[in-house]
Amino acid sequence: MAKHKFFILCVVVAGFYGQTLFGANMFVYFGTHRAGTDVGFSLAHFDTDTGVLTKPEFLIQSPAPAYFAFDPTGKWIICSNHDSNNALVFRVDENTGKLTPTGQHVSVPYPFCERFLPVH
């Protein structure tokens, strides 16, 4: 009997705020939540005109990004890493979709499900 490797996949489709999502290419981010190599984010492109999704390509390492979300501007991703007790911040390149670590992290016990709230 063949053994299969399973992993949890978290997917976020990114269209940038203030821009139309239709008639344009969108970035699709995949966060792997497993052990091994190439653990982190992968990136694909989705063409809303044709419905074609490109094959995801490994983008950047992050220790088991179980949950992640864009800030309201679309310029930043905050990522909760499974069993790490922290959340990391990445800068998003709006032209390429690539992520750059900022070096900033927030210590949070058992982080999950990011949410951005307005400050009044």
PDB file of N, CA and C in Angstrom:
ATOM      1  N   MET A   1       0.846  -1.170   0.000  1.00  0.00           N
ATOM      2  CA  MET A   1       0.000   0.000   0.000  1.00  0.00           C
ATOM      3  C   MET A   1       0.896   1.239   0.000  1.00  0.00           C
ATOM      4  N   ALA A   2       0.613   2.165  -0.888  1.00  0.00           N
ATOM      5  CA  ALA A   2       1.417   3.382  -1.014  1.00  0.00           C
ATOM      6  C   ALA A   2       1.116   4.332   0.136  1.00  0.00           C
ATOM      7  N   LYS A   3       2.164   4.973   0.601  1.00  0.00           N
ATOM      8  CA  LYS A   3       1.993   5.993   1.626  1.00  0.00           C
ATOM      9  C   LYS A   3       1.863   7.340   0.945  1.00  0.00           C
ATOM     10  N   HIS A   4       0.942   8.145   1.433  1.00  0.00           N
ATOM     11  CA  HIS A   4       0.719   9.468   0.866  1.00  0.00           C
ATOM     12  C   HIS A   4       1.077  10.519   1.898  1.00  0.00           C
ATOM     13  N   LYS A   5       1.675  11.582   1.447  1.00  0.00           N
ATOM     14  CA  LYS A   5       1.953  12.715   2.326  1.00  0.00           C
ATOM     15  C   LYS A   5       0.814  13.708   2.174  1.00  0.00           C
ATOM     16  N   PHE A   6       0.262  14.118   3.279  1.00  0.00           N
ATOM     17  CA  PHE A   6      -0.819  15.083   3.272  1.00  0.00           C
ATOM     18  C   PHE A   6      -0.338  16.373   3.903  1.00  0.00           C
ATOM     19  N   PHE A   7      -0.887  17.456   3.462  1.00  0.00           N
ATOM     20  CA  PHE A   7      -0.595  18.731   4.087  1.00  0.00           C
ATOM     21  C   PHE A   7      -1.842  19.589   4.026  1.00  0.00           C
ATOM     22  N   ILE A   8      -1.905  20.521   4.941  1.00  0.00           N
ATOM     23  CA  ILE A   8      -3.027  21.448   4.991  1.00  0.00           C
ATOM     24  C   ILE A   8      -2.647  22.641   4.136  1.00  0.00           C
ATOM     25  N   LEU A   9      -3.576  23.119   3.375  1.00  0.00           N
ATOM     26  CA  LEU A   9      -3.317  24.206   2.452  1.00  0.00           C
ATOM     27  C   LEU A   9      -4.205  25.383   2.810  1.00  0.00           C
ATOM     28  N   CYS A  10      -3.589  26.502   3.034  1.00  0.00           N
ATOM     29  CA  CYS A  10      -4.324  27.734   3.283  1.00  0.00           C
ATOM     30  C   CYS A  10      -4.143  28.592   2.039  1.00  0.00           C
ATOM     31  N   VAL A  11      -5.223  29.029   1.443  1.00  0.00           N
ATOM     32  CA  VAL A  11      -5.141  29.777   0.184  1.00  0.00           C
ATOM     33  C   VAL A  11      -5.782  31.148   0.362  1.00  0.00           C
ATOM     34  N   VAL A  12      -5.103  32.158  -0.128  1.00  0.00           N
ATOM     35  CA  VAL A  12      -5.655  33.507  -0.146  1.00  0.00           C
ATOM     36  C   VAL A  12      -5.517  34.047  -1.554  1.00  0.00           C
ATOM     37  N   VAL A  13      -6.613  34.544  -2.106  1.00  0.00           N
ATOM     38  CA  VAL A  13      -6.580  35.186  -3.414  1.00  0.00           C
ATOM     39  C   VAL A  13      -6.461  36.678  -3.162  1.00  0.00           C
ATOM     40  N   ALA A  14      -5.453  37.280  -3.768  1.00  0.00           N
ATOM     41  CA  ALA A  14      -5.165  38.681  -3.486  1.00  0.00           C
ATOM     42  C   ALA A  14      -5.426  39.573  -4.680  1.00  0.00           C
ATOM     43  N   GLY A  15      -6.384  40.426  -4.532  1.00  0.00           N
ATOM     44  CA  GLY A  15      -6.564  41.553  -5.426  1.00  0.00           C
ATOM     45  C   GLY A  15      -6.311  42.746  -4.531  1.00  0.00           C
ATOM     46  N   PHE A  16      -5.676  43.753  -5.022  1.00  0.00           N
ATOM     47  CA  PHE A  16      -5.302  44.829  -4.122  1.00  0.00           C
ATOM     48  C   PHE A  16      -6.434  45.815  -3.957  1.00  0.00           C
ATOM     49  N   TYR A  17      -6.579  46.300  -2.749  1.00  0.00           N
ATOM     50  CA  TYR A  17      -7.662  47.198  -2.372  1.00  0.00           C
ATOM     51  C   TYR A  17      -7.659  48.427  -3.270  1.00  0.00           C
ATOM     52  N   GLY A  18      -8.855  48.859  -3.646  1.00  0.00           N
ATOM     53  CA  GLY A  18      -8.972  50.029  -4.488  1.00  0.00           C
ATOM     54  C   GLY A  18      -8.841  49.705  -5.968  1.00  0.00           C
ATOM     55  N   GLN A  19      -8.568  48.457  -6.307  1.00  0.00           N
ATOM     56  CA  GLN A  19      -8.453  48.048  -7.703  1.00  0.00           C
ATOM     57  C   GLN A  19      -9.517  46.993  -7.997  1.00  0.00           C
ATOM     58  N   THR A  20      -9.959  46.961  -9.225  1.00  0.00           N
ATOM     59  CA  THR A  20     -10.946  45.959  -9.603  1.00  0.00           C
ATOM     60  C   THR A  20     -10.304  44.582  -9.630  1.00  0.00           C
ATOM     61  N   LEU A  21     -11.051  43.560  -9.250  1.00  0.00           N
ATOM     62  CA  LEU A  21     -10.533  42.203  -9.261  1.00  0.00           C
ATOM     63  C   LEU A  21     -10.864  41.488 -10.559  1.00  0.00           C
ATOM     64  N   PHE A  22     -11.741  42.056 -11.363  1.00  0.00           N
ATOM     65  CA  PHE A  22     -12.155  41.384 -12.580  1.00  0.00           C
ATOM     66  C   PHE A  22     -11.436  41.990 -13.779  1.00  0.00           C
ATOM     67  N   GLY A  23     -11.108  41.146 -14.740  1.00  0.00           N
ATOM     68  CA  GLY A  23     -10.393  41.609 -15.911  1.00  0.00           C
ATOM     69  C   GLY A  23      -8.925  41.848 -15.635  1.00  0.00           C
ATOM     70  N   ALA A  24      -8.428  41.259 -14.564  1.00  0.00           N
ATOM     71  CA  ALA A  24      -7.024  41.454 -14.197  1.00  0.00           C
ATOM     72  C   ALA A  24      -6.470  40.138 -13.651  1.00  0.00           C
ATOM     73  N   ASN A  25      -5.164  40.040 -13.650  1.00  0.00           N
ATOM     74  CA  ASN A  25      -4.521  38.893 -13.019  1.00  0.00           C
ATOM     75  C   ASN A  25      -4.514  39.107 -11.512  1.00  0.00           C
ATOM     76  N   MET A  26      -4.713  38.031 -10.793  1.00  0.00           N
ATOM     77  CA  MET A  26      -4.682  38.090  -9.335  1.00  0.00           C
ATOM     78  C   MET A  26      -3.611  37.137  -8.838  1.00  0.00           C
ATOM     79  N   PHE A  27      -3.063  37.455  -7.689  1.00  0.00           N
ATOM     80  CA  PHE A  27      -2.109  36.572  -7.035  1.00  0.00           C
ATOM     81  C   PHE A  27      -2.872  35.611  -6.132  1.00  0.00           C
ATOM     82  N   VAL A  28      -2.423  34.366  -6.092  1.00  0.00           N
ATOM     83  CA  VAL A  28      -2.999  33.357  -5.208  1.00  0.00           C
ATOM     84  C   VAL A  28      -1.854  32.831  -4.347  1.00  0.00           C
ATOM     85  N   TYR A  29      -1.981  33.004  -3.043  1.00  0.00           N
ATOM     86  CA  TYR A  29      -0.944  32.581  -2.110  1.00  0.00           C
ATOM     87  C   TYR A  29      -1.350  31.268  -1.456  1.00  0.00           C
ATOM     88  N   PHE A  30      -0.403  30.357  -1.361  1.00  0.00           N
ATOM     89  CA  PHE A  30      -0.599  29.071  -0.714  1.00  0.00           C
ATOM     90  C   PHE A  30       0.345  29.000   0.475  1.00  0.00           C
ATOM     91  N   GLY A  31      -0.181  28.687   1.626  1.00  0.00           N
ATOM     92  CA  GLY A  31       0.654  28.501   2.809  1.00  0.00           C
ATOM     93  C   GLY A  31       0.657  27.032   3.178  1.00  0.00           C
ATOM     94  N   THR A  32       1.827  26.409   3.184  1.00  0.00           N
ATOM     95  CA  THR A  32       1.896  24.993   3.545  1.00  0.00           C
ATOM     96  C   THR A  32       2.003  24.859   5.050  1.00  0.00           C
ATOM     97  N   HIS A  33       1.419  23.836   5.533  1.00  0.00           N
ATOM     98  CA  HIS A  33       1.362  23.594   6.975  1.00  0.00           C
ATOM     99  C   HIS A  33       1.757  22.136   7.196  1.00  0.00           C
ATOM    100  N   ARG A  34       3.053  21.894   7.043  1.00  0.00           N
ATOM    101  CA  ARG A  34       3.564  20.535   7.159  1.00  0.00           C
ATOM    102  C   ARG A  34       5.042  20.611   7.482  1.00  0.00           C
ATOM    103  N   ALA A  35       5.663  19.487   7.693  1.00  0.00           N
ATOM    104  CA  ALA A  35       7.098  19.424   7.945  1.00  0.00           C
ATOM    105  C   ALA A  35       7.818  19.109   6.641  1.00  0.00           C
ATOM    106  N   GLY A  36       9.093  19.463   6.560  1.00  0.00           N
ATOM    107  CA  GLY A  36       9.885  19.110   5.389  1.00  0.00           C
ATOM    108  C   GLY A  36      10.458  20.313   4.688  1.00  0.00           C
ATOM    109  N   THR A  37      10.851  20.110   3.444  1.00  0.00           N
ATOM    110  CA  THR A  37      11.442  21.190   2.666  1.00  0.00           C
ATOM    111  C   THR A  37      10.357  22.014   1.997  1.00  0.00           C
ATOM    112  N   ASP A  38      10.733  23.184   1.541  1.00  0.00           N
ATOM    113  CA  ASP A  38       9.814  24.098   0.865  1.00  0.00           C
ATOM    114  C   ASP A  38       8.557  24.372   1.684  1.00  0.00           C
ATOM    115  N   VAL A  39       8.741  24.586   2.983  1.00  0.00           N
ATOM    116  CA  VAL A  39       7.627  24.932   3.856  1.00  0.00           C
ATOM    117  C   VAL A  39       7.557  26.446   3.928  1.00  0.00           C
ATOM    118  N   GLY A  40       6.427  26.975   3.604  1.00  0.00           N
ATOM    119  CA  GLY A  40       6.246  28.421   3.608  1.00  0.00           C
ATOM    120  C   GLY A  40       5.176  28.808   2.622  1.00  0.00           C
ATOM    121  N   PHE A  41       5.459  29.844   1.846  1.00  0.00           N
ATOM    122  CA  PHE A  41       4.496  30.363   0.881  1.00  0.00           C
ATOM    123  C   PHE A  41       4.860  29.974  -0.539  1.00  0.00           C
ATOM    124  N   SER A  42       3.829  29.672  -1.319  1.00  0.00           N
ATOM    125  CA  SER A  42       3.958  29.505  -2.756  1.00  0.00           C
ATOM    126  C   SER A  42       3.016  30.513  -3.393  1.00  0.00           C
ATOM    127  N   LEU A  43       3.283  30.841  -4.666  1.00  0.00           N
ATOM    128  CA  LEU A  43       2.519  31.862  -5.354  1.00  0.00           C
ATOM    129  C   LEU A  43       2.101  31.361  -6.732  1.00  0.00           C
ATOM    130  N   ALA A  44       0.849  31.606  -7.075  1.00  0.00           N
ATOM    131  CA  ALA A  44       0.337  31.320  -8.422  1.00  0.00           C
ATOM    132  C   ALA A  44      -0.373  32.572  -8.910  1.00  0.00           C
ATOM    133  N   HIS A  45      -0.697  32.597 -10.190  1.00  0.00           N
ATOM    134  CA  HIS A  45      -1.430  33.713 -10.769  1.00  0.00           C
ATOM    135  C   HIS A  45      -2.746  33.194 -11.337  1.00  0.00           C
ATOM    136  N   PHE A  46      -3.798  33.951 -11.117  1.00  0.00           N
ATOM    137  CA  PHE A  46      -5.111  33.599 -11.623  1.00  0.00           C
ATOM    138  C   PHE A  46      -5.560  34.674 -12.602  1.00  0.00           C
ATOM    139  N   ASP A  47      -5.883  34.262 -13.816  1.00  0.00           N
ATOM    140  CA  ASP A  47      -6.367  35.176 -14.843  1.00  0.00           C
ATOM    141  C   ASP A  47      -7.886  35.132 -14.824  1.00  0.00           C
ATOM    142  N   THR A  48      -8.501  36.238 -14.433  1.00  0.00           N
ATOM    143  CA  THR A  48      -9.959  36.261 -14.303  1.00  0.00           C
ATOM    144  C   THR A  48     -10.666  36.232 -15.652  1.00  0.00           C
ATOM    145  N   ASP A  49      -9.973  36.607 -16.718  1.00  0.00           N
ATOM    146  CA  ASP A  49     -10.581  36.550 -18.050  1.00  0.00           C
ATOM    147  C   ASP A  49     -10.687  35.127 -18.574  1.00  0.00           C
ATOM    148  N   THR A  50      -9.637  34.333 -18.342  1.00  0.00           N
ATOM    149  CA  THR A  50      -9.597  32.975 -18.910  1.00  0.00           C
ATOM    150  C   THR A  50      -9.921  31.896 -17.891  1.00  0.00           C
ATOM    151  N   GLY A  51      -9.815  32.236 -16.601  1.00  0.00           N
ATOM    152  CA  GLY A  51     -10.033  31.237 -15.560  1.00  0.00           C
ATOM    153  C   GLY A  51      -8.835  30.327 -15.342  1.00  0.00           C
ATOM    154  N   VAL A  52      -7.684  30.690 -15.892  1.00  0.00           N
ATOM    155  CA  VAL A  52      -6.484  29.861 -15.779  1.00  0.00           C
ATOM    156  C   VAL A  52      -5.716  30.211 -14.508  1.00  0.00           C
ATOM    157  N   LEU A  53      -5.371  29.179 -13.751  1.00  0.00           N
ATOM    158  CA  LEU A  53      -4.520  29.305 -12.570  1.00  0.00           C
ATOM    159  C   LEU A  53      -3.183  28.663 -12.900  1.00  0.00           C
ATOM    160  N   THR A  54      -2.099  29.417 -12.736  1.00  0.00           N
ATOM    161  CA  THR A  54      -0.783  28.860 -13.020  1.00  0.00           C
ATOM    162  C   THR A  54      -0.367  27.898 -11.912  1.00  0.00           C
ATOM    163  N   LYS A  55       0.595  27.066 -12.207  1.00  0.00           N
ATOM    164  CA  LYS A  55       1.131  26.150 -11.212  1.00  0.00           C
ATOM    165  C   LYS A  55       1.837  26.968 -10.122  1.00  0.00           C
ATOM    166  N   PRO A  56       1.530  26.698  -8.850  1.00  0.00           N
ATOM    167  CA  PRO A  56       2.190  27.436  -7.774  1.00  0.00           C
ATOM    168  C   PRO A  56       3.699  27.186  -7.763  1.00  0.00           C
ATOM    169  N   GLU A  57       4.446  28.253  -7.506  1.00  0.00           N
ATOM    170  CA  GLU A  57       5.893  28.161  -7.368  1.00  0.00           C
ATOM    171  C   GLU A  57       6.269  28.582  -5.961  1.00  0.00           C
ATOM    172  N   PHE A  58       7.231  27.845  -5.381  1.00  0.00           N
ATOM    173  CA  PHE A  58       7.665  28.169  -4.024  1.00  0.00           C
ATOM    174  C   PHE A  58       8.197  29.592  -3.994  1.00  0.00           C
ATOM    175  N   LEU A  59       7.786  30.343  -2.981  1.00  0.00           N
ATOM    176  CA  LEU A  59       8.099  31.763  -2.903  1.00  0.00           C
ATOM    177  C   LEU A  59       9.084  32.099  -1.798  1.00  0.00           C
ATOM    178  N   ILE A  60       8.747  31.733  -0.562  1.00  0.00           N
ATOM    179  CA  ILE A  60       9.587  32.103   0.578  1.00  0.00           C
ATOM    180  C   ILE A  60       9.321  31.167   1.744  1.00  0.00           C
ATOM    181  N   GLN A  61      10.357  30.910   2.510  1.00  0.00           N
ATOM    182  CA  GLN A  61      10.233  30.017   3.654  1.00  0.00           C
ATOM    183  C   GLN A  61       9.588  30.728   4.839  1.00  0.00           C
ATOM    184  N   SER A  62       8.745  30.003   5.536  1.00  0.00           N
ATOM    185  CA  SER A  62       8.124  30.456   6.773  1.00  0.00           C
ATOM    186  C   SER A  62       7.729  29.192   7.521  1.00  0.00           C
ATOM    187  N   PRO A  63       7.986  29.143   8.829  1.00  0.00           N
ATOM    188  CA  PRO A  63       7.731  27.904   9.567  1.00  0.00           C
ATOM    189  C   PRO A  63       6.244  27.593   9.741  1.00  0.00           C
ATOM    190  N   ALA A  64       5.692  26.815   8.831  1.00  0.00           N
ATOM    191  CA  ALA A  64       4.301  26.342   8.904  1.00  0.00           C
ATOM    192  C   ALA A  64       3.285  27.470   9.005  1.00  0.00           C
ATOM    193  N   PRO A  65       3.137  28.283   7.937  1.00  0.00           N
ATOM    194  CA  PRO A  65       2.168  29.383   7.979  1.00  0.00           C
ATOM    195  C   PRO A  65       0.738  28.866   7.951  1.00  0.00           C
ATOM    196  N   ALA A  66       0.194  28.616   9.123  1.00  0.00           N
ATOM    197  CA  ALA A  66      -1.137  28.027   9.230  1.00  0.00           C
ATOM    198  C   ALA A  66      -2.233  29.012   8.853  1.00  0.00           C
ATOM    199  N   TYR A  67      -2.070  30.272   9.217  1.00  0.00           N
ATOM    200  CA  TYR A  67      -3.065  31.302   8.940  1.00  0.00           C
ATOM    201  C   TYR A  67      -2.332  32.562   8.505  1.00  0.00           C
ATOM    202  N   PHE A  68      -2.902  33.268   7.537  1.00  0.00           N
ATOM    203  CA  PHE A  68      -2.314  34.547   7.163  1.00  0.00           C
ATOM    204  C   PHE A  68      -3.377  35.443   6.571  1.00  0.00           C
ATOM    205  N   ALA A  69      -3.133  36.744   6.647  1.00  0.00           N
ATOM    206  CA  ALA A  69      -4.112  37.714   6.149  1.00  0.00           C
ATOM    207  C   ALA A  69      -3.396  38.964   5.677  1.00  0.00           C
ATOM    208  N   PHE A  70      -4.020  39.640   4.717  1.00  0.00           N
ATOM    209  CA  PHE A  70      -3.521  40.923   4.247  1.00  0.00           C
ATOM    210  C   PHE A  70      -4.041  42.031   5.142  1.00  0.00           C
ATOM    211  N   ASP A  71      -3.226  43.073   5.307  1.00  0.00           N
ATOM    212  CA  ASP A  71      -3.731  44.251   5.995  1.00  0.00           C
ATOM    213  C   ASP A  71      -4.661  44.978   5.015  1.00  0.00           C
ATOM    214  N   PRO A  72      -5.447  45.940   5.483  1.00  0.00           N
ATOM    215  CA  PRO A  72      -6.420  46.602   4.602  1.00  0.00           C
ATOM    216  C   PRO A  72      -5.811  47.306   3.385  1.00  0.00           C
ATOM    217  N   THR A  73      -4.529  47.653   3.419  1.00  0.00           N
ATOM    218  CA  THR A  73      -3.909  48.317   2.268  1.00  0.00           C
ATOM    219  C   THR A  73      -3.426  47.323   1.228  1.00  0.00           C
ATOM    220  N   GLY A  74      -3.301  46.049   1.595  1.00  0.00           N
ATOM    221  CA  GLY A  74      -2.780  45.034   0.692  1.00  0.00           C
ATOM    222  C   GLY A  74      -1.270  45.036   0.580  1.00  0.00           C
ATOM    223  N   LYS A  75      -0.597  45.850   1.408  1.00  0.00           N
ATOM    224  CA  LYS A  75       0.861  45.977   1.329  1.00  0.00           C
ATOM    225  C   LYS A  75       1.602  45.051   2.284  1.00  0.00           C
ATOM    226  N   TRP A  76       0.875  44.436   3.216  1.00  0.00           N
ATOM    227  CA  TRP A  76       1.509  43.614   4.252  1.00  0.00           C
ATOM    228  C   TRP A  76       0.713  42.336   4.464  1.00  0.00           C
ATOM    229  N   ILE A  77       1.419  41.269   4.787  1.00  0.00           N
ATOM    230  CA  ILE A  77       0.784  40.022   5.228  1.00  0.00           C
ATOM    231  C   ILE A  77       1.272  39.740   6.634  1.00  0.00           C
ATOM    232  N   ILE A  78       0.341  39.405   7.500  1.00  0.00           N
ATOM    233  CA  ILE A  78       0.725  38.911   8.826  1.00  0.00           C
ATOM    234  C   ILE A  78       0.425  37.422   8.824  1.00  0.00           C
ATOM    235  N   CYS A  79       1.367  36.656   9.335  1.00  0.00           N
ATOM    236  CA  CYS A  79       1.313  35.198   9.226  1.00  0.00           C
ATOM    237  C   CYS A  79       1.497  34.555  10.587  1.00  0.00           C
ATOM    238  N   SER A  80       0.534  33.729  10.990  1.00  0.00           N
ATOM    239  CA  SER A  80       0.654  32.940  12.221  1.00  0.00           C
ATOM    240  C   SER A  80       1.262  31.596  11.868  1.00  0.00           C
ATOM    241  N   ASN A  81       2.337  31.267  12.517  1.00  0.00           N
ATOM    242  CA  ASN A  81       3.014  30.002  12.262  1.00  0.00           C
ATOM    243  C   ASN A  81       2.589  28.972  13.298  1.00  0.00           C
ATOM    244  N   HIS A  82       2.162  27.828  12.838  1.00  0.00           N
ATOM    245  CA  HIS A  82       1.672  26.760  13.695  1.00  0.00           C
ATOM    246  C   HIS A  82       2.715  26.365  14.731  1.00  0.00           C
ATOM    247  N   ASP A  83       2.296  26.252  15.963  1.00  0.00           N
ATOM    248  CA  ASP A  83       3.149  25.824  17.093  1.00  0.00           C
ATOM    249  C   ASP A  83       4.392  26.690  17.294  1.00  0.00           C
ATOM    250  N   SER A  84       4.361  27.945  16.870  1.00  0.00           N
ATOM    251  CA  SER A  84       5.539  28.789  17.019  1.00  0.00           C
ATOM    252  C   SER A  84       5.369  29.883  18.062  1.00  0.00           C
ATOM    253  N   ASN A  85       4.139  30.141  18.454  1.00  0.00           N
ATOM    254  CA  ASN A  85       3.827  31.220  19.386  1.00  0.00           C
ATOM    255  C   ASN A  85       4.263  32.588  18.872  1.00  0.00           C
ATOM    256  N   ASN A  86       4.216  32.764  17.541  1.00  0.00           N
ATOM    257  CA  ASN A  86       4.504  34.082  17.003  1.00  0.00           C
ATOM    258  C   ASN A  86       3.761  34.306  15.694  1.00  0.00           C
ATOM    259  N   ALA A  87       3.728  35.561  15.315  1.00  0.00           N
ATOM    260  CA  ALA A  87       3.192  35.964  14.016  1.00  0.00           C
ATOM    261  C   ALA A  87       4.252  36.825  13.340  1.00  0.00           C
ATOM    262  N   LEU A  88       4.488  36.579  12.059  1.00  0.00           N
ATOM    263  CA  LEU A  88       5.507  37.303  11.296  1.00  0.00           C
ATOM    264  C   LEU A  88       4.848  38.270  10.325  1.00  0.00           C
ATOM    265  N   VAL A  89       5.581  39.324   9.973  1.00  0.00           N
ATOM    266  CA  VAL A  89       5.077  40.320   9.031  1.00  0.00           C
ATOM    267  C   VAL A  89       5.927  40.275   7.766  1.00  0.00           C
ATOM    268  N   PHE A  90       5.246  40.260   6.600  1.00  0.00           N
ATOM    269  CA  PHE A  90       5.909  40.273   5.303  1.00  0.00           C
ATOM    270  C   PHE A  90       5.415  41.467   4.497  1.00  0.00           C
ATOM    271  N   ARG A  91       6.306  42.099   3.749  1.00  0.00           N
ATOM    272  CA  ARG A  91       5.948  43.157   2.808  1.00  0.00           C
ATOM    273  C   ARG A  91       5.558  42.499   1.487  1.00  0.00           C
ATOM    274  N   VAL A  92       4.502  42.988   0.851  1.00  0.00           N
ATOM    275  CA  VAL A  92       4.011  42.437  -0.411  1.00  0.00           C
ATOM    276  C   VAL A  92       4.400  43.381  -1.550  1.00  0.00           C
ATOM    277  N   ASP A  93       5.068  42.845  -2.561  1.00  0.00           N
ATOM    278  CA  ASP A  93       5.366  43.624  -3.767  1.00  0.00           C
ATOM    279  C   ASP A  93       4.118  43.585  -4.644  1.00  0.00           C
ATOM    280  N   GLU A  94       3.481  44.722  -4.836  1.00  0.00           N
ATOM    281  CA  GLU A  94       2.202  44.734  -5.555  1.00  0.00           C
ATOM    282  C   GLU A  94       2.333  44.420  -7.042  1.00  0.00           C
ATOM    283  N   ASN A  95       3.536  44.519  -7.596  1.00  0.00           N
ATOM    284  CA  ASN A  95       3.736  44.210  -9.014  1.00  0.00           C
ATOM    285  C   ASN A  95       4.026  42.737  -9.260  1.00  0.00           C
ATOM    286  N   THR A  96       4.812  42.116  -8.369  1.00  0.00           N
ATOM    287  CA  THR A  96       5.221  40.723  -8.571  1.00  0.00           C
ATOM    288  C   THR A  96       4.528  39.752  -7.635  1.00  0.00           C
ATOM    289  N   GLY A  97       3.980  40.250  -6.519  1.00  0.00           N
ATOM    290  CA  GLY A  97       3.364  39.392  -5.521  1.00  0.00           C
ATOM    291  C   GLY A  97       4.365  38.795  -4.547  1.00  0.00           C
ATOM    292  N   LYS A  98       5.651  39.043  -4.768  1.00  0.00           N
ATOM    293  CA  LYS A  98       6.666  38.445  -3.899  1.00  0.00           C
ATOM    294  C   LYS A  98       6.602  39.036  -2.497  1.00  0.00           C
ATOM    295  N   LEU A  99       7.018  38.220  -1.534  1.00  0.00           N
ATOM    296  CA  LEU A  99       6.998  38.610  -0.127  1.00  0.00           C
ATOM    297  C   LEU A  99       8.418  38.834   0.370  1.00  0.00           C
ATOM    298  N   THR A 100       8.573  39.862   1.195  1.00  0.00           N
ATOM    299  CA  THR A 100       9.856  40.157   1.818  1.00  0.00           C
ATOM    300  C   THR A 100       9.652  40.189   3.325  1.00  0.00           C
ATOM    301  N   PRO A 101      10.412  39.393   4.080  1.00  0.00           N
ATOM    302  CA  PRO A 101      10.270  39.449   5.537  1.00  0.00           C
ATOM    303  C   PRO A 101      10.717  40.810   6.062  1.00  0.00           C
ATOM    304  N   THR A 102       9.979  41.344   7.005  1.00  0.00           N
ATOM    305  CA  THR A 102      10.339  42.636   7.588  1.00  0.00           C
ATOM    306  C   THR A 102      11.242  42.470   8.805  1.00  0.00           C
ATOM    307  N   GLY A 103      11.299  41.257   9.331  1.00  0.00           N
ATOM    308  CA  GLY A 103      12.045  41.036  10.566  1.00  0.00           C
ATOM    309  C   GLY A 103      11.198  41.319  11.796  1.00  0.00           C
ATOM    310  N   GLN A 104       9.988  41.817  11.589  1.00  0.00           N
ATOM    311  CA  GLN A 104       9.090  42.099  12.703  1.00  0.00           C
ATOM    312  C   GLN A 104       8.272  40.856  13.032  1.00  0.00           C
ATOM    313  N   HIS A 105       8.114  40.615  14.311  1.00  0.00           N
ATOM    314  CA  HIS A 105       7.251  39.522  14.739  1.00  0.00           C
ATOM    315  C   HIS A 105       6.542  39.930  16.020  1.00  0.00           C
ATOM    316  N   VAL A 106       5.440  39.274  16.269  1.00  0.00           N
ATOM    317  CA  VAL A 106       4.647  39.528  17.462  1.00  0.00           C
ATOM    318  C   VAL A 106       4.555  38.217  18.224  1.00  0.00           C
ATOM    319  N   SER A 107       4.878  38.250  19.499  1.00  0.00           N
ATOM    320  CA  SER A 107       4.745  37.061  20.335  1.00  0.00           C
ATOM    321  C   SER A 107       3.284  36.894  20.730  1.00  0.00           C
ATOM    322  N   VAL A 108       2.715  35.767  20.333  1.00  0.00           N
ATOM    323  CA  VAL A 108       1.313  35.471  20.608  1.00  0.00           C
ATOM    324  C   VAL A 108       1.210  33.986  20.931  1.00  0.00           C
ATOM    325  N   PRO A 109       0.690  33.629  22.109  1.00  0.00           N
ATOM    326  CA  PRO A 109       0.517  32.198  22.380  1.00  0.00           C
ATOM    327  C   PRO A 109      -0.591  31.617  21.499  1.00  0.00           C
ATOM    328  N   TYR A 110      -0.291  30.526  20.824  1.00  0.00           N
ATOM    329  CA  TYR A 110      -1.239  29.828  19.958  1.00  0.00           C
ATOM    330  C   TYR A 110      -1.922  30.760  18.953  1.00  0.00           C
ATOM    331  N   PRO A 111      -1.164  31.404  18.087  1.00  0.00           N
ATOM    332  CA  PRO A 111      -1.776  32.364  17.161  1.00  0.00           C
ATOM    333  C   PRO A 111      -2.613  31.677  16.081  1.00  0.00           C
ATOM    334  N   PHE A 112      -3.715  32.304  15.733  1.00  0.00           N
ATOM    335  CA  PHE A 112      -4.514  31.841  14.599  1.00  0.00           C
ATOM    336  C   PHE A 112      -5.489  32.937  14.203  1.00  0.00           C
ATOM    337  N   CYS A 113      -5.936  32.887  12.969  1.00  0.00           N
ATOM    338  CA  CYS A 113      -7.006  33.723  12.441  1.00  0.00           C
ATOM    339  C   CYS A 113      -6.782  35.224  12.674  1.00  0.00           C
ATOM    340  N   GLU A 114      -5.923  35.823  11.856  1.00  0.00           N
ATOM    341  CA  GLU A 114      -5.655  37.249  11.973  1.00  0.00           C
ATOM    342  C   GLU A 114      -6.872  38.058  11.568  1.00  0.00           C
ATOM    343  N   ARG A 115      -6.994  39.211  12.180  1.00  0.00           N
ATOM    344  CA  ARG A 115      -8.069  40.130  11.822  1.00  0.00           C
ATOM    345  C   ARG A 115      -7.572  41.543  12.069  1.00  0.00           C
ATOM    346  N   PHE A 116      -7.818  42.417  11.123  1.00  0.00           N
ATOM    347  CA  PHE A 116      -7.435  43.812  11.264  1.00  0.00           C
ATOM    348  C   PHE A 116      -8.670  44.615  11.641  1.00  0.00           C
ATOM    349  N   LEU A 117      -8.541  45.379  12.692  1.00  0.00           N
ATOM    350  CA  LEU A 117      -9.659  46.174  13.200  1.00  0.00           C
ATOM    351  C   LEU A 117      -9.328  47.659  13.103  1.00  0.00           C
ATOM    352  N   PRO A 118     -10.320  48.489  12.795  1.00  0.00           N
ATOM    353  CA  PRO A 118     -10.053  49.921  12.734  1.00  0.00           C
ATOM    354  C   PRO A 118      -9.762  50.468  14.132  1.00  0.00           C
ATOM    355  N   VAL A 119      -8.859  51.440  14.176  1.00  0.00           N
ATOM    356  CA  VAL A 119      -8.531  52.114  15.432  1.00  0.00           C
ATOM    357  C   VAL A 119      -9.224  53.461  15.416  1.00  0.00           C
ATOM    358  N   HIS A 120      -9.969  53.741  16.460  1.00  0.00           N
ATOM    359  CA  HIS A 120     -10.698  55.012  16.522  1.00  0.00           C
ATOM    360  C   HIS A 120     -10.070  55.921  17.537  1.00  0.00           C
TER     361      HIS A 120
END
